[in-house]
Amino acid sequence: MSRSLSAFAVSLLLCALALTPALAVDDTPTAAATAPLTPMMTDITAALQAGQAQVAALAAQLATAPDDAAALALHRAIEQAKMDGQLQVLGIQARYARTEGRVEDATKLEAAIAAMGKVAVPVNVEQRAAPNADAAGR
């Protein structure tokens, strides 16, 4: 993915997160928090909240993972859930851009979605010996 396309996608995600009052860290009421959300922001907020709920459920399972293999599988599931959430937000933005006639923006977003879907996640984890505390000078 080109740098400008990556920067564009990241900036859109950051804007979506910054404009989502339900997910803001500061809970003090503001004019933006009380103003009605646009249809696009309503869809993005719902997608982000669903993604956060899914990640929280996986994280709860991770806390009680019976072994390293299960923990690794849950970590990968969390990574995938986060990636799916990002792709969903970009898809919502692309859909609204196309509906609103912003074809160039929609095309850039769709290209970012296609490029993000091609990210290779390693299947095998390199096995290494456990560190030796004596060798580290402890």
N, C-alpha and C. Protein backbone atom coordinates (compact mmCIF):
# COMPACT_ATOMS: atom_id res chain seq x y z
N MET A 1 0.87 -1.16 0.00
CA MET A 1 0.00 0.00 0.00
C MET A 1 0.91 1.22 0.00
N SER A 2 0.58 2.21 -0.79
CA SER A 2 1.41 3.41 -0.85
C SER A 2 1.28 4.20 0.45
N ARG A 3 2.30 5.01 0.73
CA ARG A 3 2.27 5.78 1.97
C ARG A 3 1.10 6.74 2.02
N SER A 4 0.81 7.41 0.91
CA SER A 4 -0.29 8.37 0.94
C SER A 4 -1.62 7.68 1.17
N LEU A 5 -1.78 6.48 0.59
CA LEU A 5 -3.01 5.73 0.78
C LEU A 5 -3.11 5.25 2.23
N SER A 6 -1.99 4.81 2.79
CA SER A 6 -1.98 4.39 4.19
C SER A 6 -2.30 5.56 5.10
N ALA A 7 -1.67 6.70 4.83
CA ALA A 7 -1.91 7.89 5.65
C ALA A 7 -3.38 8.31 5.57
N PHE A 8 -3.94 8.22 4.38
CA PHE A 8 -5.34 8.59 4.17
C PHE A 8 -6.25 7.67 5.00
N ALA A 9 -6.01 6.36 4.94
CA ALA A 9 -6.82 5.40 5.68
C ALA A 9 -6.69 5.61 7.18
N VAL A 10 -5.46 5.81 7.63
CA VAL A 10 -5.24 6.03 9.07
C VAL A 10 -5.91 7.30 9.53
N SER A 11 -5.80 8.37 8.73
CA SER A 11 -6.41 9.63 9.14
C SER A 11 -7.93 9.50 9.22
N LEU A 12 -8.52 8.75 8.32
CA LEU A 12 -9.97 8.55 8.37
C LEU A 12 -10.37 7.75 9.62
N LEU A 13 -9.59 6.73 9.94
CA LEU A 13 -9.90 5.96 11.14
C LEU A 13 -9.75 6.82 12.39
N LEU A 14 -8.70 7.63 12.44
CA LEU A 14 -8.50 8.48 13.60
C LEU A 14 -9.61 9.51 13.73
N CYS A 15 -10.05 10.05 12.60
CA CYS A 15 -11.16 11.01 12.63
C CYS A 15 -12.43 10.33 13.15
N ALA A 16 -12.66 9.12 12.69
CA ALA A 16 -13.85 8.39 13.14
C ALA A 16 -13.79 8.15 14.64
N LEU A 17 -12.63 7.77 15.13
CA LEU A 17 -12.49 7.52 16.56
C LEU A 17 -12.62 8.82 17.36
N ALA A 18 -12.05 9.89 16.84
CA ALA A 18 -12.09 11.16 17.56
C ALA A 18 -13.51 11.74 17.60
N LEU A 19 -14.30 11.45 16.58
CA LEU A 19 -15.63 12.03 16.50
C LEU A 19 -16.70 11.15 17.14
N THR A 20 -16.33 10.01 17.68
CA THR A 20 -17.29 9.09 18.25
C THR A 20 -17.46 9.41 19.73
N PRO A 21 -18.51 10.13 20.11
CA PRO A 21 -18.67 10.54 21.50
C PRO A 21 -18.88 9.37 22.45
N ALA A 22 -19.52 8.32 22.01
CA ALA A 22 -19.78 7.20 22.91
C ALA A 22 -18.49 6.50 23.33
N LEU A 23 -17.41 6.68 22.57
CA LEU A 23 -16.16 6.00 22.88
C LEU A 23 -15.12 6.96 23.43
N ALA A 24 -15.51 8.20 23.67
CA ALA A 24 -14.56 9.19 24.16
C ALA A 24 -14.14 8.86 25.58
N VAL A 25 -12.89 9.20 25.91
CA VAL A 25 -12.37 8.95 27.25
C VAL A 25 -12.97 9.93 28.24
N ASP A 26 -13.13 11.17 27.84
CA ASP A 26 -13.68 12.20 28.71
C ASP A 26 -15.20 12.10 28.66
N ASP A 27 -15.82 11.83 29.81
CA ASP A 27 -17.27 11.64 29.86
C ASP A 27 -18.05 12.92 30.15
N THR A 28 -17.39 14.08 30.20
CA THR A 28 -18.12 15.31 30.45
C THR A 28 -18.93 15.67 29.22
N PRO A 29 -20.20 16.07 29.41
CA PRO A 29 -21.04 16.39 28.26
C PRO A 29 -20.52 17.62 27.52
N THR A 30 -20.52 17.51 26.21
CA THR A 30 -20.13 18.63 25.36
C THR A 30 -21.21 18.80 24.29
N ALA A 31 -21.10 19.89 23.56
CA ALA A 31 -22.07 20.12 22.49
C ALA A 31 -21.99 19.01 21.46
N ALA A 32 -20.77 18.54 21.15
CA ALA A 32 -20.62 17.47 20.17
C ALA A 32 -21.23 16.16 20.68
N ALA A 33 -21.14 15.92 21.97
CA ALA A 33 -21.67 14.68 22.54
C ALA A 33 -23.19 14.68 22.56
N THR A 34 -23.80 15.85 22.62
CA THR A 34 -25.26 15.92 22.68
C THR A 34 -25.88 16.12 21.30
N ALA A 35 -25.08 16.49 20.31
CA ALA A 35 -25.59 16.68 18.96
C ALA A 35 -25.88 15.30 18.35
N PRO A 36 -26.92 15.20 17.55
CA PRO A 36 -27.21 13.91 16.93
C PRO A 36 -26.10 13.53 15.94
N LEU A 37 -25.83 12.24 15.90
CA LEU A 37 -24.79 11.74 14.99
C LEU A 37 -25.33 11.67 13.57
N THR A 38 -24.43 11.82 12.63
CA THR A 38 -24.81 11.62 11.23
C THR A 38 -25.07 10.13 11.02
N PRO A 39 -25.77 9.77 9.97
CA PRO A 39 -25.99 8.33 9.72
C PRO A 39 -24.67 7.55 9.61
N MET A 40 -23.67 8.14 8.95
CA MET A 40 -22.40 7.45 8.82
C MET A 40 -21.75 7.23 10.18
N MET A 41 -21.76 8.25 11.04
CA MET A 41 -21.16 8.12 12.36
C MET A 41 -21.95 7.15 13.23
N THR A 42 -23.25 7.07 13.04
CA THR A 42 -24.05 6.09 13.76
C THR A 42 -23.61 4.69 13.38
N ASP A 43 -23.42 4.45 12.08
CA ASP A 43 -22.97 3.15 11.61
C ASP A 43 -21.55 2.84 12.11
N ILE A 44 -20.67 3.82 12.08
CA ILE A 44 -19.29 3.63 12.54
C ILE A 44 -19.27 3.35 14.03
N THR A 45 -20.05 4.10 14.80
CA THR A 45 -20.11 3.89 16.24
C THR A 45 -20.59 2.49 16.57
N ALA A 46 -21.61 2.03 15.88
CA ALA A 46 -22.13 0.68 16.11
C ALA A 46 -21.07 -0.37 15.77
N ALA A 47 -20.36 -0.16 14.67
CA ALA A 47 -19.30 -1.11 14.27
C ALA A 47 -18.18 -1.13 15.29
N LEU A 48 -17.76 0.05 15.76
CA LEU A 48 -16.68 0.12 16.74
C LEU A 48 -17.10 -0.52 18.06
N GLN A 49 -18.31 -0.27 18.50
CA GLN A 49 -18.78 -0.86 19.76
C GLN A 49 -18.89 -2.38 19.65
N ALA A 50 -19.36 -2.88 18.51
CA ALA A 50 -19.44 -4.33 18.31
C ALA A 50 -18.04 -4.94 18.31
N GLY A 51 -17.11 -4.26 17.66
CA GLY A 51 -15.73 -4.75 17.63
C GLY A 51 -15.09 -4.76 19.00
N GLN A 52 -15.35 -3.71 19.77
CA GLN A 52 -14.82 -3.65 21.14
C GLN A 52 -15.41 -4.75 22.01
N ALA A 53 -16.67 -5.05 21.84
CA ALA A 53 -17.30 -6.12 22.61
C ALA A 53 -16.69 -7.47 22.25
N GLN A 54 -16.43 -7.67 20.96
CA GLN A 54 -15.83 -8.93 20.52
C GLN A 54 -14.42 -9.07 21.09
N VAL A 55 -13.62 -8.00 21.03
CA VAL A 55 -12.26 -8.03 21.56
C VAL A 55 -12.29 -8.26 23.07
N ALA A 56 -13.21 -7.64 23.77
CA ALA A 56 -13.32 -7.82 25.22
C ALA A 56 -13.66 -9.27 25.56
N ALA A 57 -14.55 -9.87 24.80
CA ALA A 57 -14.91 -11.27 25.04
C ALA A 57 -13.71 -12.18 24.81
N LEU A 58 -12.96 -11.92 23.74
CA LEU A 58 -11.76 -12.72 23.46
C LEU A 58 -10.70 -12.51 24.53
N ALA A 59 -10.55 -11.28 25.00
CA ALA A 59 -9.57 -10.98 26.05
C ALA A 59 -9.95 -11.70 27.35
N ALA A 60 -11.23 -11.80 27.63
CA ALA A 60 -11.67 -12.53 28.83
C ALA A 60 -11.32 -14.00 28.71
N GLN A 61 -11.48 -14.56 27.51
CA GLN A 61 -11.09 -15.95 27.28
C GLN A 61 -9.58 -16.12 27.41
N LEU A 62 -8.84 -15.12 26.94
CA LEU A 62 -7.38 -15.16 26.99
C LEU A 62 -6.89 -15.22 28.43
N ALA A 63 -7.59 -14.54 29.32
CA ALA A 63 -7.19 -14.51 30.73
C ALA A 63 -7.25 -15.89 31.36
N THR A 64 -8.06 -16.76 30.81
CA THR A 64 -8.19 -18.11 31.36
C THR A 64 -7.72 -19.17 30.37
N ALA A 65 -6.86 -18.81 29.43
CA ALA A 65 -6.37 -19.77 28.44
C ALA A 65 -5.62 -20.90 29.14
N PRO A 66 -5.94 -22.13 28.79
CA PRO A 66 -5.34 -23.26 29.49
C PRO A 66 -3.86 -23.51 29.16
N ASP A 67 -3.43 -23.07 27.98
CA ASP A 67 -2.04 -23.31 27.60
C ASP A 67 -1.59 -22.27 26.58
N ASP A 68 -0.30 -22.34 26.22
CA ASP A 68 0.27 -21.36 25.29
C ASP A 68 -0.37 -21.42 23.91
N ALA A 69 -0.70 -22.61 23.45
CA ALA A 69 -1.31 -22.74 22.12
C ALA A 69 -2.68 -22.04 22.10
N ALA A 70 -3.45 -22.23 23.14
CA ALA A 70 -4.76 -21.58 23.21
C ALA A 70 -4.60 -20.07 23.31
N ALA A 71 -3.61 -19.63 24.10
CA ALA A 71 -3.36 -18.19 24.24
C ALA A 71 -2.95 -17.58 22.90
N LEU A 72 -2.10 -18.27 22.16
CA LEU A 72 -1.66 -17.78 20.85
C LEU A 72 -2.85 -17.69 19.89
N ALA A 73 -3.71 -18.71 19.91
CA ALA A 73 -4.90 -18.70 19.05
C ALA A 73 -5.81 -17.52 19.41
N LEU A 74 -5.95 -17.25 20.70
CA LEU A 74 -6.80 -16.12 21.12
C LEU A 74 -6.16 -14.79 20.75
N HIS A 75 -4.84 -14.68 20.86
CA HIS A 75 -4.16 -13.45 20.42
C HIS A 75 -4.42 -13.21 18.94
N ARG A 76 -4.32 -14.26 18.16
CA ARG A 76 -4.57 -14.14 16.72
C ARG A 76 -6.02 -13.77 16.44
N ALA A 77 -6.93 -14.33 17.21
CA ALA A 77 -8.34 -13.98 17.05
C ALA A 77 -8.59 -12.52 17.39
N ILE A 78 -7.91 -12.02 18.42
CA ILE A 78 -8.04 -10.61 18.79
C ILE A 78 -7.48 -9.73 17.67
N GLU A 79 -6.31 -10.10 17.13
CA GLU A 79 -5.73 -9.34 16.01
C GLU A 79 -6.69 -9.30 14.83
N GLN A 80 -7.28 -10.46 14.52
CA GLN A 80 -8.21 -10.54 13.40
C GLN A 80 -9.46 -9.71 13.66
N ALA A 81 -9.97 -9.74 14.88
CA ALA A 81 -11.16 -8.95 15.21
C ALA A 81 -10.87 -7.45 15.06
N LYS A 82 -9.68 -7.03 15.49
CA LYS A 82 -9.32 -5.61 15.34
C LYS A 82 -9.18 -5.24 13.87
N MET A 83 -8.55 -6.12 13.08
CA MET A 83 -8.41 -5.86 11.65
C MET A 83 -9.78 -5.81 10.99
N ASP A 84 -10.66 -6.74 11.34
CA ASP A 84 -12.00 -6.75 10.77
C ASP A 84 -12.75 -5.47 11.12
N GLY A 85 -12.56 -4.96 12.33
CA GLY A 85 -13.20 -3.71 12.73
C GLY A 85 -12.71 -2.54 11.89
N GLN A 86 -11.40 -2.50 11.66
CA GLN A 86 -10.85 -1.42 10.83
C GLN A 86 -11.38 -1.51 9.41
N LEU A 87 -11.42 -2.73 8.88
CA LEU A 87 -11.95 -2.91 7.52
C LEU A 87 -13.42 -2.53 7.45
N GLN A 88 -14.17 -2.84 8.49
CA GLN A 88 -15.59 -2.50 8.50
C GLN A 88 -15.79 -0.98 8.51
N VAL A 89 -15.00 -0.26 9.30
CA VAL A 89 -15.11 1.20 9.35
C VAL A 89 -14.75 1.79 7.98
N LEU A 90 -13.68 1.30 7.38
CA LEU A 90 -13.31 1.80 6.05
C LEU A 90 -14.40 1.48 5.04
N GLY A 91 -15.02 0.31 5.16
CA GLY A 91 -16.11 -0.05 4.25
C GLY A 91 -17.31 0.87 4.39
N ILE A 92 -17.62 1.21 5.63
CA ILE A 92 -18.73 2.15 5.87
C ILE A 92 -18.41 3.50 5.24
N GLN A 93 -17.18 3.96 5.45
CA GLN A 93 -16.78 5.25 4.88
C GLN A 93 -16.82 5.20 3.36
N ALA A 94 -16.37 4.10 2.77
CA ALA A 94 -16.38 3.97 1.31
C ALA A 94 -17.81 3.96 0.78
N ARG A 95 -18.69 3.25 1.49
CA ARG A 95 -20.09 3.18 1.05
C ARG A 95 -20.73 4.57 1.06
N TYR A 96 -20.51 5.33 2.14
CA TYR A 96 -21.09 6.67 2.20
C TYR A 96 -20.44 7.61 1.18
N ALA A 97 -19.14 7.47 0.97
CA ALA A 97 -18.47 8.32 -0.02
C ALA A 97 -19.05 8.07 -1.40
N ARG A 98 -19.26 6.81 -1.75
CA ARG A 98 -19.81 6.48 -3.06
C ARG A 98 -21.26 6.97 -3.18
N THR A 99 -22.04 6.81 -2.11
CA THR A 99 -23.43 7.27 -2.11
C THR A 99 -23.52 8.78 -2.27
N GLU A 100 -22.54 9.48 -1.66
CA GLU A 100 -22.52 10.95 -1.73
C GLU A 100 -21.84 11.48 -2.98
N GLY A 101 -21.42 10.59 -3.87
CA GLY A 101 -20.81 11.02 -5.13
C GLY A 101 -19.33 11.35 -5.02
N ARG A 102 -18.70 11.03 -3.91
CA ARG A 102 -17.26 11.26 -3.75
C ARG A 102 -16.52 10.01 -4.22
N VAL A 103 -16.53 9.83 -5.54
CA VAL A 103 -16.00 8.62 -6.14
C VAL A 103 -14.50 8.46 -5.88
N GLU A 104 -13.74 9.54 -5.95
CA GLU A 104 -12.30 9.45 -5.72
C GLU A 104 -12.00 8.99 -4.30
N ASP A 105 -12.70 9.53 -3.33
CA ASP A 105 -12.52 9.11 -1.93
C ASP A 105 -12.91 7.63 -1.76
N ALA A 106 -14.03 7.26 -2.37
CA ALA A 106 -14.49 5.87 -2.27
C ALA A 106 -13.47 4.91 -2.88
N THR A 107 -12.90 5.30 -4.00
CA THR A 107 -11.90 4.47 -4.67
C THR A 107 -10.65 4.31 -3.80
N LYS A 108 -10.21 5.40 -3.16
CA LYS A 108 -9.05 5.32 -2.27
C LYS A 108 -9.34 4.43 -1.07
N LEU A 109 -10.51 4.56 -0.51
CA LEU A 109 -10.89 3.73 0.63
C LEU A 109 -10.97 2.26 0.24
N GLU A 110 -11.54 1.98 -0.91
CA GLU A 110 -11.64 0.60 -1.37
C GLU A 110 -10.26 0.01 -1.66
N ALA A 111 -9.34 0.84 -2.16
CA ALA A 111 -7.97 0.38 -2.38
C ALA A 111 -7.28 0.09 -1.05
N ALA A 112 -7.54 0.92 -0.05
CA ALA A 112 -6.98 0.68 1.29
C ALA A 112 -7.52 -0.61 1.88
N ILE A 113 -8.80 -0.87 1.67
CA ILE A 113 -9.42 -2.11 2.16
C ILE A 113 -8.76 -3.31 1.48
N ALA A 114 -8.59 -3.24 0.18
CA ALA A 114 -7.98 -4.34 -0.56
C ALA A 114 -6.54 -4.58 -0.10
N ALA A 115 -5.81 -3.49 0.13
CA ALA A 115 -4.41 -3.63 0.56
C ALA A 115 -4.32 -4.19 1.97
N MET A 116 -5.23 -3.78 2.85
CA MET A 116 -5.20 -4.28 4.23
C MET A 116 -5.54 -5.76 4.28
N GLY A 117 -6.37 -6.21 3.38
CA GLY A 117 -6.73 -7.62 3.34
C GLY A 117 -5.59 -8.51 2.93
N LYS A 118 -4.51 -7.92 2.40
CA LYS A 118 -3.37 -8.70 1.93
C LYS A 118 -2.25 -8.77 2.95
N VAL A 119 -2.49 -8.30 4.15
CA VAL A 119 -1.46 -8.34 5.19
C VAL A 119 -1.24 -9.79 5.59
N ALA A 120 0.01 -10.23 5.52
CA ALA A 120 0.34 -11.61 5.87
C ALA A 120 0.65 -11.70 7.35
N VAL A 121 -0.04 -12.59 8.02
CA VAL A 121 0.22 -12.85 9.43
C VAL A 121 0.96 -14.17 9.50
N PRO A 122 2.12 -14.23 10.16
CA PRO A 122 2.86 -15.48 10.22
C PRO A 122 2.04 -16.58 10.89
N VAL A 123 2.09 -17.75 10.31
CA VAL A 123 1.35 -18.88 10.84
C VAL A 123 2.14 -19.57 11.95
N ASN A 124 3.43 -19.71 11.72
CA ASN A 124 4.27 -20.39 12.71
C ASN A 124 5.07 -19.38 13.50
N VAL A 125 5.21 -19.66 14.76
CA VAL A 125 6.01 -18.82 15.64
C VAL A 125 7.35 -19.51 15.84
N GLU A 126 8.41 -18.74 15.70
CA GLU A 126 9.75 -19.31 15.87
C GLU A 126 9.93 -19.80 17.30
N GLN A 127 10.40 -21.01 17.44
CA GLN A 127 10.64 -21.58 18.75
C GLN A 127 12.03 -21.18 19.21
N ARG A 128 12.13 -20.60 20.39
CA ARG A 128 13.42 -20.19 20.96
C ARG A 128 13.55 -20.78 22.36
N ALA A 129 14.80 -20.95 22.75
CA ALA A 129 15.05 -21.45 24.11
C ALA A 129 14.64 -20.38 25.10
N ALA A 130 14.19 -20.81 26.25
CA ALA A 130 13.83 -19.86 27.32
C ALA A 130 15.07 -19.12 27.77
N PRO A 131 14.95 -17.84 28.08
CA PRO A 131 16.13 -17.08 28.51
C PRO A 131 16.66 -17.63 29.84
N ASN A 132 17.97 -17.56 29.97
CA ASN A 132 18.65 -18.03 31.17
C ASN A 132 18.99 -16.81 32.02
N ALA A 133 18.46 -16.75 33.23
CA ALA A 133 18.69 -15.59 34.10
C ALA A 133 20.15 -15.44 34.44
N ASP A 134 20.90 -16.55 34.57
CA ASP A 134 22.33 -16.47 34.90
C ASP A 134 23.12 -15.85 33.75
N ALA A 135 22.73 -16.18 32.52
CA ALA A 135 23.44 -15.65 31.35
C ALA A 135 23.20 -14.17 31.19
N ALA A 136 22.08 -13.67 31.70
CA ALA A 136 21.75 -12.25 31.57
C ALA A 136 22.42 -11.42 32.66
N GLY A 137 23.20 -12.05 33.53
CA GLY A 137 23.91 -11.31 34.55
C GLY A 137 23.08 -11.05 35.79
N ARG A 138 22.10 -11.84 36.03
CA ARG A 138 21.23 -11.62 37.19
C ARG A 138 21.59 -12.55 38.30
